């Protein structure tokens, strides 16, 4: 597994400043609005992408009223402002790390310029469509802190019975991967068993990871952080592998 999940875990534990929190809320609500519109339904039971977007927003403590309004804007029940479209960007970071960026934008030129600058400023290169997307697969990923988890045998039993694909040891957490279609069933089975979930989302998982050390590791994390701070960027995925302890030190 790439270090991206470790990076997300470290950021989640560190928390966010108020300004970044506001920016995160806006991104999460934008994702809900687009999922409701593109998925053809405002009912999360019938729209898996919307269900995942709502779950992420709730995990980030986005107010329920804001979530409901975003859904209604997506379904057309409320008038919205800008109309966003999904655009992806692909490229390579320092050390040959593959990067895949998902955006929701109302101005393609602005977004492309911002993403390109982030890559070049941090020693990377923006590539053509298809240059890195083939290295990633859409999966459900559930993270559980080891301190809050049952023993490994019990966790495996619950996850596999609900049709999970795999359980991996990610140092301080257990990481369960699922087929997108089985994601909700696995998540709900774990919750029903009283297991606290650190995170649960549909994401892009790299098929192979590239070990990164030293200066390249610092540059890769700087690139990810810069991309994630862009207003139009929703998600950034990369196939780097940096030990959790080193990543925490570099991001500190």
Protein backbone atom coordinates (compact mmCIF):
# COMPACT_ATOMS: atom_id res chain seq x y z
CA UNK A 1 0.00 0.00 0.00
CA UNK A 2 1.22 3.50 -0.74
CA UNK A 3 2.02 6.02 1.93
CA UNK A 4 -1.00 8.11 1.00
CA UNK A 5 -3.18 6.48 3.65
CA UNK A 6 -0.48 7.02 6.26
CA UNK A 7 -0.24 10.66 5.18
CA UNK A 8 -4.01 11.08 5.55
CA UNK A 9 -3.92 9.49 9.00
CA UNK A 10 -1.14 11.76 10.22
CA UNK A 11 -2.95 14.88 8.96
CA UNK A 12 -6.18 13.74 10.60
CA UNK A 13 -4.46 13.27 13.96
CA UNK A 14 -2.74 16.65 13.75
CA UNK A 15 -6.06 18.39 13.13
CA UNK A 16 -6.64 21.47 11.01
CA UNK A 17 -6.54 25.20 11.56
CA UNK A 18 -9.84 27.10 11.27
CA UNK A 19 -9.00 28.53 7.84
CA UNK A 20 -8.15 25.09 6.46
CA UNK A 21 -11.24 23.64 8.13
CA UNK A 22 -13.44 26.15 6.29
CA UNK A 23 -11.75 25.24 3.01
CA UNK A 24 -12.24 21.54 3.74
CA UNK A 25 -15.96 22.05 4.43
CA UNK A 26 -16.39 23.82 1.08
CA UNK A 27 -14.67 20.96 -0.77
CA UNK A 28 -16.73 18.28 0.97
CA UNK A 29 -19.99 20.08 0.25
CA UNK A 30 -18.98 20.56 -3.38
CA UNK A 31 -18.35 16.82 -3.66
CA UNK A 32 -21.80 16.06 -2.20
CA UNK A 33 -23.49 18.44 -4.63
CA UNK A 34 -21.78 16.92 -7.67
CA UNK A 35 -22.37 13.34 -6.47
CA UNK A 36 -26.10 14.04 -6.05
CA UNK A 37 -26.29 15.57 -9.54
CA UNK A 38 -24.12 13.09 -11.43
CA UNK A 39 -25.42 10.04 -9.57
CA UNK A 40 -28.99 10.84 -10.53
CA UNK A 41 -30.31 10.55 -6.98
CA UNK A 42 -30.25 12.45 -3.71
CA UNK A 43 -30.80 9.21 -1.81
CA UNK A 44 -27.48 7.86 -0.47
CA UNK A 45 -28.94 4.34 -0.38
CA UNK A 46 -29.28 4.47 -4.17
CA UNK A 47 -26.14 6.51 -4.84
CA UNK A 48 -22.95 4.96 -3.46
CA UNK A 49 -20.74 7.92 -4.40
CA UNK A 50 -23.08 10.29 -2.58
CA UNK A 51 -23.12 8.00 0.46
CA UNK A 52 -19.32 8.07 0.61
CA UNK A 53 -19.24 11.87 0.21
CA UNK A 54 -21.78 12.32 3.01
CA UNK A 55 -19.82 9.98 5.28
CA UNK A 56 -16.62 11.97 4.74
CA UNK A 57 -18.46 15.22 5.47
CA UNK A 58 -19.93 13.85 8.68
CA UNK A 59 -16.54 12.56 9.77
CA UNK A 60 -15.22 16.11 9.32
CA UNK A 61 -18.11 17.49 11.44
CA UNK A 62 -19.79 19.35 8.57
CA UNK A 63 -23.20 20.54 9.88
CA UNK A 64 -26.16 18.38 8.80
CA UNK A 65 -28.06 21.40 7.42
CA UNK A 66 -25.15 22.22 5.10
CA UNK A 67 -25.06 18.63 3.86
CA UNK A 68 -28.80 18.64 3.19
CA UNK A 69 -28.60 21.91 1.25
CA UNK A 70 -25.72 20.57 -0.86
CA UNK A 71 -27.78 17.49 -1.75
CA UNK A 72 -30.74 19.66 -2.75
CA UNK A 73 -28.54 21.88 -4.90
CA UNK A 74 -27.30 18.77 -6.65
CA UNK A 75 -30.79 17.41 -7.29
CA UNK A 76 -32.10 20.81 -8.39
CA UNK A 77 -34.44 21.28 -5.41
CA UNK A 78 -32.46 24.43 -4.53
CA UNK A 79 -30.86 26.87 -6.91
CA UNK A 80 -27.07 26.63 -6.84
CA UNK A 81 -24.26 28.96 -7.77
CA UNK A 82 -21.43 27.76 -10.01
CA UNK A 83 -21.82 24.48 -11.89
CA UNK A 84 -18.82 22.26 -11.26
CA UNK A 85 -17.39 19.53 -13.46
CA UNK A 86 -15.01 16.70 -12.62
CA UNK A 87 -11.55 17.00 -14.18
CA UNK A 88 -8.57 14.76 -13.40
CA UNK A 89 -4.85 15.47 -13.78
CA UNK A 90 -1.96 13.02 -13.88
CA UNK A 91 1.77 13.40 -13.48
CA UNK A 92 4.94 12.39 -11.71
CA UNK A 93 6.50 13.74 -8.55
CA UNK A 94 10.10 13.57 -7.31
CA UNK A 95 11.62 10.08 -7.35
CA UNK A 96 9.27 8.93 -10.10
CA UNK A 97 6.21 8.85 -7.84
CA UNK A 98 2.95 8.62 -9.81
CA UNK A 99 0.32 11.21 -8.89
CA UNK A 100 -3.39 11.26 -9.73
CA UNK A 101 -5.43 14.39 -8.93
CA UNK A 102 -9.22 14.70 -8.82
CA UNK A 103 -10.76 18.18 -9.07
CA UNK A 104 -14.18 19.79 -9.19
CA UNK A 105 -13.95 23.07 -11.06
CA UNK A 106 -15.98 25.80 -12.72
CA UNK A 107 -12.90 27.08 -14.59
CA UNK A 108 -10.68 24.49 -16.31
CA UNK A 109 -8.00 27.01 -17.30
CA UNK A 110 -7.54 28.26 -13.74
CA UNK A 111 -7.40 24.77 -12.30
CA UNK A 112 -4.95 23.45 -14.91
CA UNK A 113 -2.65 26.41 -14.32
CA UNK A 114 -2.70 25.95 -10.53
CA UNK A 115 -2.08 22.19 -10.74
CA UNK A 116 0.73 22.59 -13.27
CA UNK A 117 2.46 25.19 -11.10
CA UNK A 118 2.28 22.90 -8.05
CA UNK A 119 3.97 20.07 -9.96
CA UNK A 120 6.77 22.18 -11.44
CA UNK A 121 7.37 24.13 -8.22
CA UNK A 122 7.99 20.89 -6.28
CA UNK A 123 10.16 19.02 -8.77
CA UNK A 124 7.41 17.14 -10.59
CA UNK A 125 5.91 17.08 -14.08
CA UNK A 126 2.29 17.22 -15.18
CA UNK A 127 1.65 14.43 -17.68
CA UNK A 128 -0.86 13.53 -20.35
CA UNK A 129 -4.25 11.93 -19.68
CA UNK A 130 -3.70 8.24 -19.05
CA UNK A 131 -0.06 8.57 -18.01
CA UNK A 132 -0.63 7.42 -14.41
CA UNK A 133 -4.35 6.58 -14.04
CA UNK A 134 -3.71 2.95 -15.02
CA UNK A 135 -1.58 2.51 -11.88
CA UNK A 136 -4.58 3.08 -9.58
CA UNK A 137 -7.77 1.13 -8.88
CA UNK A 138 -11.01 2.39 -7.35
CA UNK A 139 -11.44 0.67 -3.98
CA UNK A 140 -13.16 1.08 -0.66
CA UNK A 141 -10.62 1.69 2.10
CA UNK A 142 -11.42 1.47 5.81
CA UNK A 143 -8.88 2.36 8.49
CA UNK A 144 -9.08 1.21 12.09
CA UNK A 145 -6.70 2.22 14.84
CA UNK A 146 -5.13 -0.87 16.40
CA UNK A 147 -5.89 0.40 19.90
CA UNK A 148 -9.61 0.45 19.03
CA UNK A 149 -9.67 -2.86 17.13
CA UNK A 150 -10.42 -6.42 18.26
CA UNK A 151 -7.73 -9.04 17.77
CA UNK A 152 -6.60 -9.66 14.20
CA UNK A 153 -8.37 -13.00 13.84
CA UNK A 154 -11.74 -11.53 14.84
CA UNK A 155 -11.25 -8.51 12.57
CA UNK A 156 -10.41 -10.74 9.61
CA UNK A 157 -13.48 -12.89 10.29
CA UNK A 158 -15.85 -9.89 10.31
CA UNK A 159 -14.28 -8.23 7.26
CA UNK A 160 -14.09 -11.32 5.06
CA UNK A 161 -17.60 -12.45 5.97
CA UNK A 162 -18.83 -9.08 4.66
CA UNK A 163 -16.84 -9.63 1.40
CA UNK A 164 -13.75 -7.48 2.05
CA UNK A 165 -10.78 -8.08 -0.25
CA UNK A 166 -7.87 -7.72 2.14
CA UNK A 167 -6.61 -6.66 5.58
CA UNK A 168 -3.18 -5.04 5.86
CA UNK A 169 -1.00 -4.00 8.78
CA UNK A 170 -0.16 -0.29 8.33
CA UNK A 171 1.95 0.18 11.48
CA UNK A 172 -0.46 2.05 13.81
CA UNK A 173 -3.64 1.05 11.95
CA UNK A 174 -5.38 -1.85 10.23
CA UNK A 175 -6.39 -1.10 6.65
CA UNK A 176 -9.22 -3.02 5.01
CA UNK A 177 -9.74 -2.82 1.24
CA UNK A 178 -12.94 -3.73 -0.55
CA UNK A 179 -14.45 -3.79 -4.01
CA UNK A 180 -16.49 -0.56 -4.44
CA UNK A 181 -19.69 -2.61 -4.53
CA UNK A 182 -18.93 -4.27 -1.17
CA UNK A 183 -17.74 -1.11 0.59
CA UNK A 184 -21.00 -0.19 2.34
CA UNK A 185 -21.65 -3.77 3.51
CA UNK A 186 -18.15 -4.10 5.00
CA UNK A 187 -18.29 -0.67 6.65
CA UNK A 188 -21.71 -1.39 8.16
CA UNK A 189 -20.64 -4.86 9.38
CA UNK A 190 -17.67 -3.40 11.22
CA UNK A 191 -19.78 -0.64 12.76
CA UNK A 192 -22.45 -3.16 13.80
CA UNK A 193 -19.72 -5.13 15.61
CA UNK A 194 -18.96 -2.02 17.65
CA UNK A 195 -15.61 -1.31 15.96
CA UNK A 196 -14.70 2.38 15.78
CA UNK A 197 -13.62 3.39 12.27
CA UNK A 198 -10.86 5.93 11.85
CA UNK A 199 -11.95 6.53 8.26
CA UNK A 200 -14.02 4.86 5.56
CA UNK A 201 -14.05 6.07 1.96
CA UNK A 202 -14.08 5.18 -1.69
CA UNK A 203 -10.63 6.03 -2.97
CA UNK A 204 -7.96 5.25 -5.55
CA UNK A 205 -5.44 2.62 -4.45
CA UNK A 206 -2.08 2.24 -6.23
CA UNK A 207 -1.25 -1.21 -7.54
CA UNK A 208 2.43 -0.82 -6.64
CA UNK A 209 4.34 1.47 -4.26
CA UNK A 210 7.67 3.24 -4.80
CA UNK A 211 9.98 3.61 -1.76
CA UNK A 212 11.01 7.25 -1.31
CA UNK A 213 13.65 8.59 1.07
CA UNK A 214 15.61 11.71 1.99
CA UNK A 215 15.10 14.88 -0.02
CA UNK A 216 12.69 13.23 -2.43
CA UNK A 217 10.43 12.25 0.48
CA UNK A 218 10.25 15.85 1.67
CA UNK A 219 9.53 17.08 -1.88
CA UNK A 220 6.79 14.51 -2.42
CA UNK A 221 4.99 15.51 0.79
CA UNK A 222 5.35 19.20 -0.10
CA UNK A 223 3.82 18.52 -3.53
CA UNK A 224 0.89 16.64 -2.00
CA UNK A 225 0.24 19.36 0.55
CA UNK A 226 0.35 22.13 -2.06
CA UNK A 227 -2.04 20.25 -4.35
CA UNK A 228 -4.46 19.46 -1.52
CA UNK A 229 -4.60 23.11 -0.48
CA UNK A 230 -5.83 24.22 -3.93
CA UNK A 231 -9.50 25.20 -3.79
CA UNK A 232 -10.49 23.08 -6.80
CA UNK A 233 -8.64 19.91 -5.76
CA UNK A 234 -10.77 17.25 -4.08
CA UNK A 235 -8.37 14.33 -3.77
CA UNK A 236 -4.71 13.58 -4.47
CA UNK A 237 -3.43 10.01 -4.78
CA UNK A 238 0.19 8.89 -5.08
CA UNK A 239 2.08 5.59 -5.03
CA UNK A 240 4.91 6.58 -2.69
CA UNK A 241 5.93 4.55 0.34
CA UNK A 242 7.55 6.38 3.24
CA UNK A 243 7.75 4.82 6.75
CA UNK A 244 5.11 6.30 9.04
CA UNK A 245 7.72 7.51 11.55
CA UNK A 246 9.69 9.33 8.83
CA UNK A 247 6.51 10.82 7.39
CA UNK A 248 5.44 12.15 10.79
CA UNK A 249 8.86 13.72 11.28
CA UNK A 250 8.85 15.37 7.85
CA UNK A 251 5.28 16.66 8.20
CA UNK A 252 5.95 18.00 11.69
